[in-house]
């Protein structure tokens, strides 16, 4: 959630507190554009997800939101008329008393509904919010976040999100290749079509100790080892010796070291990993990295 979303959520929580209501958010799964891309047989047109559903809910909880409604976006939802959307979902389903939408919000079949229709319906208050601009006066959007992630520009991502980019997941068993090469890793599955970010990074890992642990991570498809195209996040902790299987951890991305590469053999891969570890140690030695507690309390609750 970028700073524009966060401004809206702050307003929702404030309005809810003033009226004695529960601050809630409605979201759709999958993204409507992803649904229509699949329907057209063009999955390549689907927007890359900035985060998975778990991280989205964790981030929402961290802002003070207390209820998240995840509506399945399917053929029924896509064909629902705008009036039915209001009556079925907002009024009967949620008993909405106060509603905040973006200035460009559209809903219902063929995007026929807008903020004017919501206000004309009556029965609940409606407020709209203009887009939020960055320090250079540019409108902040999810498209900007995706572009910065694809470019590996983590400083720009930080500016748009207001915090470092992160991913969370349970540590799973892998092929144990890293351990055999002398660099054991935590393996986390990446949700389908989630994040345009790839490469080798310095990271902080939350959830295994009282303070974040230093690490170096590979986010990508592991071209030297596999040819399945499945995204995986592998993290080698620089100074940790313990059992992390099954633990829910949050990986916070600090700096991109290099792009992902395919090597001729495992010996070459091992030398590249060793160099990544040296560079990561040098980065942490030279940097005064301040860890954040963003979403930590929410993580502890889930």
Protein backbone atom coordinates (compact mmCIF):
# COMPACT_ATOMS: atom_id res chain seq x y z
CA UNK A 1 0.00 0.00 0.00
CA UNK A 2 1.52 3.28 -1.12
CA UNK A 3 1.26 6.63 0.66
CA UNK A 4 -1.96 7.49 -1.15
CA UNK A 5 -3.64 4.37 0.19
CA UNK A 6 -2.24 5.05 3.64
CA UNK A 7 -3.70 8.56 3.66
CA UNK A 8 -7.11 7.09 2.86
CA UNK A 9 -6.80 4.45 5.60
CA UNK A 10 -5.85 7.10 8.15
CA UNK A 11 -9.00 9.03 7.21
CA UNK A 12 -11.14 5.87 7.46
CA UNK A 13 -9.84 5.11 10.96
CA UNK A 14 -10.38 8.71 12.04
CA UNK A 15 -13.96 8.77 10.75
CA UNK A 16 -14.70 5.39 12.35
CA UNK A 17 -13.41 6.58 15.74
CA UNK A 18 -15.52 9.73 15.57
CA UNK A 19 -18.68 7.74 14.78
CA UNK A 20 -18.12 4.65 16.91
CA UNK A 21 -17.87 2.40 13.84
CA UNK A 22 -15.52 -0.41 12.81
CA UNK A 23 -12.87 0.71 10.28
CA UNK A 24 -13.09 -1.75 7.38
CA UNK A 25 -11.66 -2.22 3.90
CA UNK A 26 -13.10 -4.10 0.93
CA UNK A 27 -10.67 -5.61 -1.55
CA UNK A 28 -10.98 -8.03 -4.46
CA UNK A 29 -9.25 -11.33 -5.19
CA UNK A 30 -8.04 -11.67 -7.87
CA UNK A 31 -7.43 -8.11 -9.05
CA UNK A 32 -10.21 -7.21 -11.57
CA UNK A 33 -7.66 -6.49 -14.29
CA UNK A 34 -6.11 -9.90 -13.65
CA UNK A 35 -9.55 -11.55 -14.03
CA UNK A 36 -10.26 -9.84 -17.35
CA UNK A 37 -6.75 -10.61 -18.65
CA UNK A 38 -7.34 -14.31 -17.99
CA UNK A 39 -10.81 -14.09 -19.55
CA UNK A 40 -9.25 -12.70 -22.73
CA UNK A 41 -6.60 -15.40 -22.75
CA UNK A 42 -3.93 -12.74 -22.20
CA UNK A 43 -2.46 -13.38 -18.74
CA UNK A 44 0.49 -11.19 -19.76
CA UNK A 45 -1.81 -8.17 -19.50
CA UNK A 46 -2.47 -8.78 -15.80
CA UNK A 47 -0.77 -6.28 -13.48
CA UNK A 48 2.08 -7.73 -11.46
CA UNK A 49 1.05 -7.88 -7.81
CA UNK A 50 2.99 -5.66 -5.47
CA UNK A 51 2.30 -7.97 -2.53
CA UNK A 52 0.47 -11.17 -1.69
CA UNK A 53 -2.83 -11.29 0.18
CA UNK A 54 -1.16 -12.03 3.55
CA UNK A 55 1.11 -8.99 3.30
CA UNK A 56 -1.79 -6.82 2.18
CA UNK A 57 -3.82 -7.84 5.24
CA UNK A 58 -0.83 -7.39 7.56
CA UNK A 59 -0.24 -3.89 6.20
CA UNK A 60 -3.93 -3.02 6.57
CA UNK A 61 -3.92 -4.20 10.18
CA UNK A 62 -0.83 -2.09 10.89
CA UNK A 63 -2.75 1.06 9.88
CA UNK A 64 -5.58 0.40 12.34
CA UNK A 65 -8.05 -1.33 10.02
CA UNK A 66 -10.00 -3.94 11.99
CA UNK A 67 -12.04 -5.69 9.31
CA UNK A 68 -11.00 -6.76 5.81
CA UNK A 69 -13.63 -8.01 3.38
CA UNK A 70 -12.10 -10.05 0.55
CA UNK A 71 -14.62 -10.34 -2.28
CA UNK A 72 -13.95 -12.93 -4.94
CA UNK A 73 -13.87 -11.23 -8.34
CA UNK A 74 -15.44 -13.68 -10.75
CA UNK A 75 -18.00 -13.69 -13.57
CA UNK A 76 -20.82 -12.96 -11.12
CA UNK A 77 -18.99 -9.96 -9.70
CA UNK A 78 -17.91 -8.70 -13.14
CA UNK A 79 -21.51 -8.72 -14.39
CA UNK A 80 -23.08 -7.22 -11.24
CA UNK A 81 -24.87 -3.96 -12.01
CA UNK A 82 -23.70 -0.89 -10.11
CA UNK A 83 -27.01 -0.53 -8.24
CA UNK A 84 -26.82 -4.17 -7.13
CA UNK A 85 -23.24 -3.62 -5.97
CA UNK A 86 -24.45 -0.89 -3.63
CA UNK A 87 -27.53 -2.74 -2.36
CA UNK A 88 -26.04 -6.25 -2.08
CA UNK A 89 -22.48 -5.61 -0.95
CA UNK A 90 -22.46 -2.23 0.76
CA UNK A 91 -25.90 -1.92 2.32
CA UNK A 92 -27.06 -5.48 3.03
CA UNK A 93 -23.64 -7.09 3.27
CA UNK A 94 -21.70 -4.51 5.27
CA UNK A 95 -24.33 -2.13 6.64
CA UNK A 96 -22.10 0.74 5.54
CA UNK A 97 -22.66 4.02 7.39
CA UNK A 98 -19.69 6.01 6.03
CA UNK A 99 -17.75 5.33 2.84
CA UNK A 100 -14.48 6.68 1.48
CA UNK A 101 -13.42 6.15 -2.14
CA UNK A 102 -10.74 7.52 -4.42
CA UNK A 103 -11.66 10.35 -6.78
CA UNK A 104 -11.44 8.01 -9.79
CA UNK A 105 -13.33 5.06 -8.23
CA UNK A 106 -15.56 3.06 -10.59
CA UNK A 107 -17.62 -0.05 -9.85
CA UNK A 108 -20.24 -2.36 -11.31
CA UNK A 109 -20.60 -3.87 -14.78
CA UNK A 110 -18.89 -1.78 -17.44
CA UNK A 111 -17.64 0.51 -14.65
CA UNK A 112 -21.02 2.29 -14.68
CA UNK A 113 -20.96 3.30 -11.01
CA UNK A 114 -19.08 6.29 -9.62
CA UNK A 115 -19.00 8.52 -6.55
CA UNK A 116 -22.03 10.50 -7.81
CA UNK A 117 -24.14 7.34 -7.89
CA UNK A 118 -23.00 6.45 -4.37
CA UNK A 119 -24.04 9.87 -3.08
CA UNK A 120 -27.38 9.75 -4.91
CA UNK A 121 -28.25 6.39 -3.36
CA UNK A 122 -28.45 7.80 0.15
CA UNK A 123 -28.49 5.92 3.43
CA UNK A 124 -24.80 6.46 4.19
CA UNK A 125 -22.25 9.24 4.04
CA UNK A 126 -19.86 9.30 1.08
CA UNK A 127 -16.51 11.05 0.96
CA UNK A 128 -13.95 11.03 -1.84
CA UNK A 129 -10.23 11.74 -1.63
CA UNK A 130 -7.94 13.23 -4.25
CA UNK A 131 -4.74 11.51 -5.27
CA UNK A 132 -1.62 12.06 -3.15
CA UNK A 133 1.52 13.54 -4.78
CA UNK A 134 5.13 12.74 -3.99
CA UNK A 135 7.80 15.31 -3.07
CA UNK A 136 8.17 16.21 -6.77
CA UNK A 137 4.45 16.79 -7.26
CA UNK A 138 3.87 13.52 -9.15
CA UNK A 139 0.72 11.52 -8.44
CA UNK A 140 1.55 8.40 -6.42
CA UNK A 141 0.14 5.25 -7.99
CA UNK A 142 0.50 1.49 -7.84
CA UNK A 143 1.88 1.63 -11.39
CA UNK A 144 4.78 3.75 -10.10
CA UNK A 145 5.48 1.19 -7.37
CA UNK A 146 5.49 -1.67 -9.89
CA UNK A 147 7.83 0.22 -12.21
CA UNK A 148 10.26 0.97 -9.37
CA UNK A 149 10.23 -2.69 -8.31
CA UNK A 150 10.97 -3.90 -11.84
CA UNK A 151 13.85 -1.41 -12.01
CA UNK A 152 15.16 -2.59 -8.62
CA UNK A 153 15.00 1.01 -7.38
CA UNK A 154 14.37 0.29 -3.70
CA UNK A 155 14.92 3.93 -2.70
CA UNK A 156 12.06 5.00 -4.99
CA UNK A 157 9.91 2.17 -3.65
CA UNK A 158 10.63 3.40 -0.12
CA UNK A 159 9.56 6.93 -1.11
CA UNK A 160 6.28 5.63 -2.55
CA UNK A 161 5.43 3.24 0.27
CA UNK A 162 6.77 5.22 3.19
CA UNK A 163 8.67 2.14 4.37
CA UNK A 164 11.00 -0.49 2.97
CA UNK A 165 9.54 -3.11 0.66
CA UNK A 166 8.97 -6.45 2.39
CA UNK A 167 7.55 -9.93 1.86
CA UNK A 168 6.41 -12.45 4.45
CA UNK A 169 5.89 -16.19 4.42
CA UNK A 170 6.43 -19.46 6.23
CA UNK A 171 9.85 -21.06 5.93
CA UNK A 172 9.54 -24.29 3.94
CA UNK A 173 11.81 -27.22 3.12
CA UNK A 174 13.68 -26.89 -0.15
CA UNK A 175 16.21 -28.95 -2.10
CA UNK A 176 18.88 -28.29 0.59
CA UNK A 177 21.21 -27.19 -2.22
CA UNK A 178 22.31 -24.08 -0.35
CA UNK A 179 23.24 -26.15 2.69
CA UNK A 180 25.25 -28.54 0.49
CA UNK A 181 27.08 -25.57 -1.02
CA UNK A 182 27.91 -24.20 2.43
CA UNK A 183 25.25 -21.46 2.44
CA UNK A 184 22.04 -22.74 4.06
CA UNK A 185 18.96 -20.73 3.16
CA UNK A 186 15.45 -20.02 4.36
CA UNK A 187 13.05 -20.84 1.55
CA UNK A 188 9.83 -18.87 1.10
CA UNK A 189 7.34 -19.40 -1.69
CA UNK A 190 6.32 -16.29 -3.62
CA UNK A 191 2.63 -15.90 -4.53
CA UNK A 192 1.85 -16.24 -8.23
CA UNK A 193 2.59 -13.10 -10.25
CA UNK A 194 3.71 -11.29 -7.10
CA UNK A 195 6.31 -8.51 -7.38
CA UNK A 196 8.36 -7.48 -10.38
CA UNK A 197 11.43 -7.40 -8.16
CA UNK A 198 14.21 -9.91 -8.93
CA UNK A 199 17.88 -10.23 -8.11
CA UNK A 200 20.24 -10.52 -5.14
CA UNK A 201 19.68 -8.24 -2.15
CA UNK A 202 20.82 -7.35 1.33
CA UNK A 203 17.89 -7.90 3.68
CA UNK A 204 16.70 -7.83 7.27
CA UNK A 205 14.74 -10.85 8.51
CA UNK A 206 12.13 -10.39 11.23
CA UNK A 207 10.50 -13.14 13.26
CA UNK A 208 13.38 -15.40 14.28
CA UNK A 209 15.00 -13.36 17.05
CA UNK A 210 14.31 -10.40 19.31
CA UNK A 211 15.88 -8.11 16.71
CA UNK A 212 16.09 -8.37 12.90
CA UNK A 213 18.81 -10.59 11.45
CA UNK A 214 21.18 -9.60 8.64
CA UNK A 215 20.99 -11.62 5.45
CA UNK A 216 21.53 -11.83 1.73
CA UNK A 217 18.59 -12.95 -0.40
CA UNK A 218 17.95 -14.27 -3.87
CA UNK A 219 14.54 -13.52 -5.36
CA UNK A 220 13.91 -15.17 -8.70
CA UNK A 221 13.57 -18.45 -10.57
CA UNK A 222 17.02 -19.97 -9.80
CA UNK A 223 18.01 -20.43 -13.47
CA UNK A 224 21.22 -22.33 -12.66
CA UNK A 225 19.36 -24.97 -10.66
CA UNK A 226 15.86 -25.27 -12.13
CA UNK A 227 14.00 -24.44 -15.31
CA UNK A 228 10.45 -24.41 -13.89
CA UNK A 229 10.02 -20.65 -13.85
CA UNK A 230 8.59 -20.66 -10.31
CA UNK A 231 9.55 -17.67 -8.17
CA UNK A 232 11.29 -18.40 -4.89
CA UNK A 233 12.76 -16.24 -2.16
CA UNK A 234 15.90 -17.75 -0.60
CA UNK A 235 17.61 -16.01 2.31
CA UNK A 236 21.03 -16.84 3.73
CA UNK A 237 21.36 -15.43 7.26
CA UNK A 238 24.85 -14.14 7.95
CA UNK A 239 25.00 -15.06 11.62
CA UNK A 240 22.26 -17.52 12.56
CA UNK A 241 22.29 -21.19 13.43
CA UNK A 242 18.87 -22.52 14.29
CA UNK A 243 15.75 -24.29 13.06
CA UNK A 244 13.41 -21.91 11.26
CA UNK A 245 11.16 -24.39 9.44
CA UNK A 246 7.50 -23.48 9.71
CA UNK A 247 8.21 -20.03 11.18
CA UNK A 248 6.45 -16.99 9.75
CA UNK A 249 9.11 -14.42 8.84
CA UNK A 250 9.15 -11.02 7.20
CA UNK A 251 11.98 -10.18 4.79
CA UNK A 252 12.76 -6.48 4.45
CA UNK A 253 14.70 -5.51 1.31
CA UNK A 254 17.50 -2.97 1.77
CA UNK A 255 19.75 -2.81 -1.30
CA UNK A 256 20.03 -4.63 -4.61
CA UNK A 257 23.49 -6.13 -5.10
CA UNK A 258 23.08 -7.50 -8.60
CA UNK A 259 20.73 -9.16 -11.09
CA UNK A 260 19.96 -12.86 -11.05
CA UNK A 261 22.25 -14.83 -13.37
CA UNK A 262 22.51 -18.32 -14.83
CA UNK A 263 25.90 -19.98 -14.23
CA UNK A 264 27.58 -22.76 -16.14
CA UNK A 265 28.00 -25.03 -13.10
CA UNK A 266 27.58 -25.24 -9.34
CA UNK A 267 31.21 -24.30 -8.66
CA UNK A 268 30.71 -20.98 -10.42
CA UNK A 269 27.42 -20.49 -8.58
CA UNK A 270 29.13 -21.17 -5.24
CA UNK A 271 31.80 -18.55 -5.93
CA UNK A 272 29.10 -16.03 -6.87
CA UNK A 273 27.21 -16.72 -3.63
CA UNK A 274 30.40 -16.34 -1.60
CA UNK A 275 31.01 -12.98 -3.25
CA UNK A 276 27.41 -11.92 -2.50
CA UNK A 277 27.93 -12.81 1.16
CA UNK A 278 31.15 -10.76 1.29
CA UNK A 279 29.39 -7.80 -0.30
CA UNK A 280 26.47 -8.13 2.12
CA UNK A 281 28.79 -8.18 5.12
CA UNK A 282 30.59 -5.11 3.77
CA UNK A 283 27.27 -3.35 3.31
CA UNK A 284 26.16 -3.99 6.89
CA UNK A 285 29.61 -3.08 8.24
CA UNK A 286 29.54 0.25 6.42
CA UNK A 287 25.87 1.09 6.99
CA UNK A 288 24.01 2.06 10.10
CA UNK A 289 20.86 0.16 9.20
CA UNK A 290 17.86 1.24 11.25
CA UNK A 291 15.30 -1.52 11.47
CA UNK A 292 11.60 -0.73 11.39
CA UNK A 293 8.72 -2.28 13.26
CA UNK A 294 6.33 -1.79 10.34
CA UNK A 295 3.57 -4.43 10.57
CA UNK A 296 5.41 -6.29 13.33
CA UNK A 297 2.47 -6.23 15.71
CA UNK A 298 0.19 -7.42 12.93
CA UNK A 299 2.58 -10.23 12.06
CA UNK A 300 2.57 -11.40 15.64
CA UNK A 301 -1.20 -11.68 15.57
CA UNK A 302 -1.45 -13.81 12.42
